[in-house]
Amino acid sequence: MPATREVRAPDGLTWRLRRLVVPMWMRPITPASATIEYAEAARSGAMGAGRYAGPAVLFGLIWSVAALPLLPGVLALRRLGVVPWTVEAKARPWGRRGPPIVLLYSVRRPAAVADVLDSLARALERGDGAPLVEGAERVEI
């Protein structure tokens, strides 16, 4: 199974589909996501929220390095079906500078990941916006 797949929707969006190996809670906070998150907080009235973007990125990096030894255990639990795999579909309608459209699906059975990727690719090629995929549960972010 290829690491990533790209499909083109009828509306012109290019979707990148992939199975995430590192769980979401182990991923570092990127400067772009921290800046967007804290800019939204500042707009909503949290004064001085933008100044915390740097420390958030630093803490995210430290957290990722500290959590790295747990990855083999997480992968073993995923193979047993205890911890679900995450399938991600991402499109960038506004280019690299704008926020992406991200669809996340949780898959319990390790053998079903390839089938979920195929079903999701076919649904996105048909033009379904946020399809329901058999064998996967949609994750809200």
N, C-alpha and C. Protein backbone atom coordinates (compact mmCIF):
# COMPACT_ATOMS: atom_id res chain seq x y z
N MET A 1 0.85 -1.17 0.00
CA MET A 1 0.00 0.00 0.00
C MET A 1 0.90 1.23 0.00
N PRO A 2 0.70 2.16 -0.95
CA PRO A 2 1.53 3.36 -0.98
C PRO A 2 1.31 4.22 0.26
N ALA A 3 2.33 5.00 0.60
CA ALA A 3 2.24 5.83 1.80
C ALA A 3 1.18 6.91 1.65
N THR A 4 1.11 7.55 0.50
CA THR A 4 0.08 8.56 0.25
C THR A 4 -0.53 8.33 -1.13
N ARG A 5 -1.77 8.77 -1.26
CA ARG A 5 -2.46 8.72 -2.55
C ARG A 5 -3.04 10.08 -2.81
N GLU A 6 -3.06 10.48 -4.05
CA GLU A 6 -3.70 11.74 -4.42
C GLU A 6 -4.85 11.44 -5.37
N VAL A 7 -5.99 12.05 -5.09
CA VAL A 7 -7.16 11.92 -5.96
C VAL A 7 -7.65 13.32 -6.29
N ARG A 8 -8.25 13.43 -7.44
CA ARG A 8 -8.76 14.73 -7.90
C ARG A 8 -10.28 14.67 -7.92
N ALA A 9 -10.90 15.61 -7.24
CA ALA A 9 -12.35 15.69 -7.18
C ALA A 9 -12.87 16.46 -8.39
N PRO A 10 -14.15 16.30 -8.74
CA PRO A 10 -14.72 17.02 -9.88
C PRO A 10 -14.66 18.54 -9.73
N ASP A 11 -14.63 19.03 -8.49
CA ASP A 11 -14.58 20.48 -8.28
C ASP A 11 -13.16 21.05 -8.39
N GLY A 12 -12.18 20.21 -8.71
CA GLY A 12 -10.81 20.66 -8.92
C GLY A 12 -9.91 20.51 -7.71
N LEU A 13 -10.44 20.13 -6.56
CA LEU A 13 -9.60 19.93 -5.38
C LEU A 13 -8.76 18.67 -5.52
N THR A 14 -7.53 18.76 -5.09
CA THR A 14 -6.67 17.59 -5.03
C THR A 14 -6.58 17.16 -3.58
N TRP A 15 -7.04 15.95 -3.31
CA TRP A 15 -7.04 15.40 -1.96
C TRP A 15 -5.84 14.48 -1.80
N ARG A 16 -5.13 14.60 -0.68
CA ARG A 16 -4.03 13.70 -0.35
C ARG A 16 -4.52 12.79 0.77
N LEU A 17 -4.54 11.50 0.51
CA LEU A 17 -5.01 10.51 1.48
C LEU A 17 -3.81 9.74 2.02
N ARG A 18 -3.83 9.51 3.34
CA ARG A 18 -2.75 8.74 3.95
C ARG A 18 -3.18 8.15 5.28
N ARG A 19 -2.51 7.11 5.66
CA ARG A 19 -2.70 6.49 6.97
C ARG A 19 -1.65 7.10 7.89
N LEU A 20 -2.09 7.66 9.01
CA LEU A 20 -1.17 8.30 9.94
C LEU A 20 -0.54 7.25 10.85
N VAL A 21 0.78 7.24 10.90
CA VAL A 21 1.49 6.29 11.75
C VAL A 21 1.60 6.86 13.16
N VAL A 22 1.99 8.12 13.26
CA VAL A 22 2.13 8.77 14.56
C VAL A 22 0.76 9.29 14.98
N PRO A 23 0.27 8.93 16.17
CA PRO A 23 -1.05 9.40 16.62
C PRO A 23 -1.09 10.92 16.74
N MET A 24 -2.29 11.46 16.68
CA MET A 24 -2.46 12.91 16.73
C MET A 24 -1.90 13.51 18.03
N TRP A 25 -2.03 12.82 19.14
CA TRP A 25 -1.57 13.36 20.42
C TRP A 25 -0.05 13.39 20.52
N MET A 26 0.65 12.68 19.62
CA MET A 26 2.11 12.68 19.63
C MET A 26 2.70 13.68 18.63
N ARG A 27 1.88 14.28 17.80
CA ARG A 27 2.38 15.19 16.77
C ARG A 27 2.75 16.55 17.36
N PRO A 28 3.84 17.13 16.88
CA PRO A 28 4.22 18.45 17.39
C PRO A 28 3.29 19.54 16.86
N ILE A 29 3.22 20.63 17.58
CA ILE A 29 2.48 21.79 17.12
C ILE A 29 3.38 22.53 16.14
N THR A 30 2.90 22.76 14.94
CA THR A 30 3.70 23.47 13.94
C THR A 30 3.55 24.97 14.14
N PRO A 31 4.53 25.75 13.70
CA PRO A 31 4.39 27.21 13.83
C PRO A 31 3.14 27.74 13.13
N ALA A 32 2.79 27.16 11.99
CA ALA A 32 1.61 27.64 11.25
C ALA A 32 0.33 27.38 12.05
N SER A 33 0.19 26.18 12.60
CA SER A 33 -1.04 25.89 13.35
C SER A 33 -1.10 26.69 14.65
N ALA A 34 0.03 26.90 15.30
CA ALA A 34 0.04 27.69 16.53
C ALA A 34 -0.32 29.14 16.22
N THR A 35 0.22 29.68 15.15
CA THR A 35 -0.07 31.06 14.79
C THR A 35 -1.55 31.23 14.46
N ILE A 36 -2.12 30.30 13.70
CA ILE A 36 -3.54 30.38 13.34
C ILE A 36 -4.41 30.25 14.59
N GLU A 37 -4.09 29.27 15.44
CA GLU A 37 -4.89 29.03 16.65
C GLU A 37 -4.86 30.24 17.58
N TYR A 38 -3.67 30.80 17.80
CA TYR A 38 -3.57 31.92 18.72
C TYR A 38 -4.08 33.22 18.10
N ALA A 39 -4.01 33.33 16.79
CA ALA A 39 -4.59 34.51 16.13
C ALA A 39 -6.11 34.49 16.28
N GLU A 40 -6.72 33.31 16.16
CA GLU A 40 -8.16 33.19 16.37
C GLU A 40 -8.54 33.51 17.81
N ALA A 41 -7.70 33.08 18.76
CA ALA A 41 -7.96 33.37 20.16
C ALA A 41 -7.86 34.87 20.42
N ALA A 42 -6.90 35.51 19.79
CA ALA A 42 -6.73 36.95 19.96
C ALA A 42 -7.92 37.71 19.38
N ARG A 43 -8.44 37.23 18.24
CA ARG A 43 -9.61 37.88 17.64
C ARG A 43 -10.84 37.73 18.51
N SER A 44 -10.93 36.62 19.23
CA SER A 44 -12.12 36.38 20.06
C SER A 44 -12.07 37.14 21.38
N GLY A 45 -10.97 37.83 21.64
CA GLY A 45 -10.92 38.67 22.82
C GLY A 45 -9.88 38.27 23.85
N ALA A 46 -9.14 37.20 23.63
CA ALA A 46 -8.10 36.80 24.57
C ALA A 46 -6.88 37.69 24.30
N MET A 47 -6.70 38.69 25.11
CA MET A 47 -5.64 39.67 24.89
C MET A 47 -4.27 39.03 25.04
N GLY A 48 -3.38 39.35 24.14
CA GLY A 48 -2.02 38.86 24.22
C GLY A 48 -1.85 37.40 23.86
N ALA A 49 -2.85 36.78 23.23
CA ALA A 49 -2.78 35.35 22.93
C ALA A 49 -1.68 35.05 21.91
N GLY A 50 -1.38 35.98 21.02
CA GLY A 50 -0.37 35.75 19.99
C GLY A 50 1.02 35.54 20.53
N ARG A 51 1.32 36.08 21.69
CA ARG A 51 2.68 35.95 22.23
C ARG A 51 2.97 34.54 22.73
N TYR A 52 1.93 33.69 22.85
CA TYR A 52 2.13 32.32 23.33
C TYR A 52 2.38 31.32 22.20
N ALA A 53 2.40 31.79 20.95
CA ALA A 53 2.61 30.87 19.84
C ALA A 53 4.00 30.25 19.89
N GLY A 54 5.03 31.03 20.20
CA GLY A 54 6.40 30.51 20.28
C GLY A 54 6.55 29.44 21.35
N PRO A 55 6.14 29.74 22.60
CA PRO A 55 6.23 28.70 23.64
C PRO A 55 5.41 27.46 23.33
N ALA A 56 4.28 27.62 22.64
CA ALA A 56 3.46 26.44 22.30
C ALA A 56 4.22 25.54 21.33
N VAL A 57 4.91 26.13 20.37
CA VAL A 57 5.68 25.34 19.41
C VAL A 57 6.82 24.63 20.13
N LEU A 58 7.50 25.34 21.03
CA LEU A 58 8.60 24.74 21.79
C LEU A 58 8.11 23.59 22.66
N PHE A 59 6.98 23.79 23.37
CA PHE A 59 6.42 22.73 24.19
C PHE A 59 6.01 21.53 23.32
N GLY A 60 5.43 21.81 22.14
CA GLY A 60 5.03 20.73 21.23
C GLY A 60 6.22 19.89 20.80
N LEU A 61 7.34 20.54 20.53
CA LEU A 61 8.54 19.82 20.13
C LEU A 61 9.06 18.96 21.28
N ILE A 62 9.10 19.54 22.48
CA ILE A 62 9.57 18.78 23.65
C ILE A 62 8.63 17.59 23.91
N TRP A 63 7.31 17.81 23.79
CA TRP A 63 6.33 16.75 24.02
C TRP A 63 6.52 15.61 23.02
N SER A 64 6.75 15.95 21.75
CA SER A 64 6.92 14.92 20.72
C SER A 64 8.15 14.07 20.98
N VAL A 65 9.24 14.70 21.38
CA VAL A 65 10.47 13.96 21.67
C VAL A 65 10.26 13.08 22.90
N ALA A 66 9.57 13.59 23.92
CA ALA A 66 9.33 12.82 25.13
C ALA A 66 8.40 11.64 24.87
N ALA A 67 7.44 11.80 23.95
CA ALA A 67 6.46 10.74 23.67
C ALA A 67 6.98 9.72 22.65
N LEU A 68 8.09 10.01 21.99
CA LEU A 68 8.61 9.11 20.96
C LEU A 68 8.87 7.68 21.45
N PRO A 69 9.38 7.44 22.65
CA PRO A 69 9.57 6.06 23.11
C PRO A 69 8.26 5.26 23.23
N LEU A 70 7.12 5.94 23.28
CA LEU A 70 5.84 5.24 23.37
C LEU A 70 5.34 4.73 22.02
N LEU A 71 5.96 5.18 20.93
CA LEU A 71 5.48 4.82 19.59
C LEU A 71 5.48 3.31 19.32
N PRO A 72 6.52 2.55 19.66
CA PRO A 72 6.44 1.10 19.42
C PRO A 72 5.27 0.43 20.13
N GLY A 73 4.97 0.86 21.35
CA GLY A 73 3.83 0.31 22.07
C GLY A 73 2.51 0.66 21.40
N VAL A 74 2.40 1.89 20.92
CA VAL A 74 1.18 2.31 20.22
C VAL A 74 1.01 1.50 18.94
N LEU A 75 2.10 1.29 18.20
CA LEU A 75 2.02 0.50 16.96
C LEU A 75 1.63 -0.94 17.24
N ALA A 76 2.14 -1.51 18.33
CA ALA A 76 1.76 -2.88 18.69
C ALA A 76 0.27 -2.95 19.05
N LEU A 77 -0.21 -1.97 19.78
CA LEU A 77 -1.64 -1.95 20.14
C LEU A 77 -2.51 -1.72 18.90
N ARG A 78 -2.00 -0.99 17.92
CA ARG A 78 -2.76 -0.80 16.68
C ARG A 78 -2.86 -2.11 15.91
N ARG A 79 -1.78 -2.86 15.88
CA ARG A 79 -1.80 -4.15 15.17
C ARG A 79 -2.81 -5.12 15.80
N LEU A 80 -2.99 -5.01 17.11
CA LEU A 80 -3.95 -5.86 17.80
C LEU A 80 -5.38 -5.33 17.71
N GLY A 81 -5.55 -4.12 17.21
CA GLY A 81 -6.88 -3.54 17.06
C GLY A 81 -7.39 -2.83 18.31
N VAL A 82 -6.52 -2.63 19.30
CA VAL A 82 -6.92 -1.95 20.52
C VAL A 82 -6.97 -0.44 20.30
N VAL A 83 -5.93 0.09 19.67
CA VAL A 83 -5.85 1.52 19.35
C VAL A 83 -6.15 1.66 17.85
N PRO A 84 -7.06 2.55 17.48
CA PRO A 84 -7.43 2.67 16.06
C PRO A 84 -6.38 3.38 15.22
N TRP A 85 -6.37 3.03 13.95
CA TRP A 85 -5.57 3.75 12.96
C TRP A 85 -6.34 5.00 12.57
N THR A 86 -5.64 6.01 12.13
CA THR A 86 -6.27 7.24 11.66
C THR A 86 -5.96 7.40 10.18
N VAL A 87 -7.01 7.60 9.39
CA VAL A 87 -6.87 7.86 7.96
C VAL A 87 -7.19 9.34 7.75
N GLU A 88 -6.32 10.02 7.03
CA GLU A 88 -6.47 11.46 6.83
C GLU A 88 -6.64 11.76 5.34
N ALA A 89 -7.57 12.65 5.04
CA ALA A 89 -7.73 13.19 3.69
C ALA A 89 -7.59 14.70 3.83
N LYS A 90 -6.65 15.28 3.08
CA LYS A 90 -6.37 16.71 3.22
C LYS A 90 -6.36 17.37 1.85
N ALA A 91 -7.04 18.51 1.76
CA ALA A 91 -7.04 19.31 0.53
C ALA A 91 -6.69 20.74 0.92
N ARG A 92 -6.03 21.43 0.02
CA ARG A 92 -5.64 22.83 0.26
C ARG A 92 -6.22 23.71 -0.84
N PRO A 93 -7.49 24.13 -0.67
CA PRO A 93 -8.12 24.92 -1.73
C PRO A 93 -7.53 26.31 -1.90
N TRP A 94 -6.87 26.84 -0.88
CA TRP A 94 -6.31 28.19 -0.96
C TRP A 94 -4.80 28.16 -1.07
N GLY A 95 -4.22 27.03 -1.38
CA GLY A 95 -2.77 26.92 -1.49
C GLY A 95 -2.12 26.65 -0.14
N ARG A 96 -0.80 26.72 -0.10
CA ARG A 96 -0.05 26.40 1.11
C ARG A 96 -0.25 27.41 2.23
N ARG A 97 -0.64 28.64 1.88
CA ARG A 97 -0.77 29.68 2.91
C ARG A 97 -2.10 29.62 3.65
N GLY A 98 -3.11 29.09 3.03
CA GLY A 98 -4.42 29.04 3.66
C GLY A 98 -4.61 27.78 4.47
N PRO A 99 -5.65 27.75 5.29
CA PRO A 99 -5.91 26.55 6.09
C PRO A 99 -6.41 25.40 5.21
N PRO A 100 -6.00 24.17 5.52
CA PRO A 100 -6.45 23.03 4.73
C PRO A 100 -7.83 22.55 5.17
N ILE A 101 -8.45 21.76 4.30
CA ILE A 101 -9.66 21.03 4.65
C ILE A 101 -9.17 19.64 5.04
N VAL A 102 -9.47 19.21 6.25
CA VAL A 102 -8.96 17.93 6.75
C VAL A 102 -10.13 17.06 7.17
N LEU A 103 -10.16 15.84 6.65
CA LEU A 103 -11.13 14.83 7.06
C LEU A 103 -10.35 13.70 7.74
N LEU A 104 -10.77 13.33 8.95
CA LEU A 104 -10.11 12.26 9.69
C LEU A 104 -11.10 11.13 9.95
N TYR A 105 -10.62 9.92 9.77
CA TYR A 105 -11.43 8.73 10.01
C TYR A 105 -10.66 7.78 10.92
N SER A 106 -11.36 7.19 11.87
CA SER A 106 -10.79 6.24 12.79
C SER A 106 -11.16 4.82 12.33
N VAL A 107 -10.16 3.95 12.21
CA VAL A 107 -10.38 2.58 11.72
C VAL A 107 -9.87 1.62 12.79
N ARG A 108 -10.75 0.78 13.31
CA ARG A 108 -10.39 -0.16 14.38
C ARG A 108 -9.65 -1.40 13.86
N ARG A 109 -10.13 -1.97 12.77
CA ARG A 109 -9.53 -3.21 12.26
C ARG A 109 -8.34 -2.89 11.37
N PRO A 110 -7.16 -3.40 11.68
CA PRO A 110 -5.99 -3.10 10.85
C PRO A 110 -6.15 -3.56 9.41
N ALA A 111 -6.87 -4.66 9.19
CA ALA A 111 -7.05 -5.18 7.83
C ALA A 111 -7.96 -4.29 6.99
N ALA A 112 -8.76 -3.44 7.64
CA ALA A 112 -9.73 -2.61 6.92
C ALA A 112 -9.16 -1.28 6.47
N VAL A 113 -7.94 -0.94 6.84
CA VAL A 113 -7.38 0.37 6.51
C VAL A 113 -7.28 0.55 5.00
N ALA A 114 -6.80 -0.45 4.28
CA ALA A 114 -6.67 -0.34 2.82
C ALA A 114 -8.04 -0.19 2.16
N ASP A 115 -9.03 -0.93 2.65
CA ASP A 115 -10.38 -0.82 2.09
C ASP A 115 -10.98 0.56 2.36
N VAL A 116 -10.73 1.10 3.54
CA VAL A 116 -11.23 2.44 3.87
C VAL A 116 -10.57 3.49 2.97
N LEU A 117 -9.28 3.36 2.74
CA LEU A 117 -8.59 4.29 1.85
C LEU A 117 -9.15 4.22 0.44
N ASP A 118 -9.42 3.00 -0.06
CA ASP A 118 -9.99 2.85 -1.40
C ASP A 118 -11.40 3.45 -1.47
N SER A 119 -12.22 3.16 -0.49
CA SER A 119 -13.59 3.70 -0.47
C SER A 119 -13.59 5.22 -0.38
N LEU A 120 -12.72 5.76 0.45
CA LEU A 120 -12.62 7.20 0.60
C LEU A 120 -12.14 7.85 -0.70
N ALA A 121 -11.17 7.24 -1.35
CA ALA A 121 -10.67 7.77 -2.62
C ALA A 121 -11.78 7.79 -3.67
N ARG A 122 -12.54 6.71 -3.77
CA ARG A 122 -13.64 6.67 -4.75
C ARG A 122 -14.70 7.71 -4.45
N ALA A 123 -15.03 7.88 -3.15
CA ALA A 123 -16.05 8.86 -2.77
C ALA A 123 -15.60 10.28 -3.07
N LEU A 124 -14.35 10.59 -2.79
CA LEU A 124 -13.85 11.94 -3.07
C LEU A 124 -13.74 12.20 -4.57
N GLU A 125 -13.39 11.17 -5.34
CA GLU A 125 -13.35 11.33 -6.80
C GLU A 125 -14.74 11.57 -7.38
N ARG A 126 -15.77 11.03 -6.73
CA ARG A 126 -17.15 11.28 -7.16
C ARG A 126 -17.62 12.68 -6.80
N GLY A 127 -16.95 13.31 -5.83
CA GLY A 127 -17.33 14.65 -5.43
C GLY A 127 -18.07 14.72 -4.12
N ASP A 128 -18.10 13.63 -3.36
CA ASP A 128 -18.72 13.67 -2.02
C ASP A 128 -17.86 14.56 -1.13
N GLY A 129 -18.48 15.49 -0.44
CA GLY A 129 -17.73 16.45 0.38
C GLY A 129 -17.06 15.82 1.59
N ALA A 130 -17.84 15.20 2.44
CA ALA A 130 -17.33 14.53 3.64
C ALA A 130 -18.05 13.19 3.73
N PRO A 131 -17.59 12.22 2.94
CA PRO A 131 -18.33 10.96 2.83
C PRO A 131 -18.31 10.12 4.09
N LEU A 132 -19.37 9.36 4.26
CA LEU A 132 -19.41 8.31 5.28
C LEU A 132 -18.78 7.08 4.65
N VAL A 133 -17.82 6.50 5.32
CA VAL A 133 -17.08 5.37 4.79
C VAL A 133 -17.36 4.16 5.65
N GLU A 134 -17.73 3.05 5.00
CA GLU A 134 -18.01 1.82 5.74
C GLU A 134 -16.73 1.28 6.35
N GLY A 135 -16.79 0.92 7.63
CA GLY A 135 -15.63 0.38 8.32
C GLY A 135 -14.83 1.44 9.04
N ALA A 136 -15.25 2.71 8.94
CA ALA A 136 -14.53 3.80 9.60
C ALA A 136 -15.51 4.74 10.25
N GLU A 137 -15.03 5.39 11.29
CA GLU A 137 -15.85 6.37 12.00
C GLU A 137 -15.23 7.75 11.80
N ARG A 138 -16.03 8.71 11.41
CA ARG A 138 -15.56 10.07 11.17
C ARG A 138 -15.16 10.72 12.49
N VAL A 139 -13.99 11.33 12.50
CA VAL A 139 -13.47 12.00 13.70
C VAL A 139 -13.62 13.49 13.51
N GLU A 140 -14.25 14.15 14.47
CA GLU A 140 -14.39 15.60 14.41
C GLU A 140 -13.17 16.22 15.09
N ILE A 141 -12.60 17.23 14.46
CA ILE A 141 -11.44 17.89 15.05
C ILE A 141 -11.86 19.15 15.75
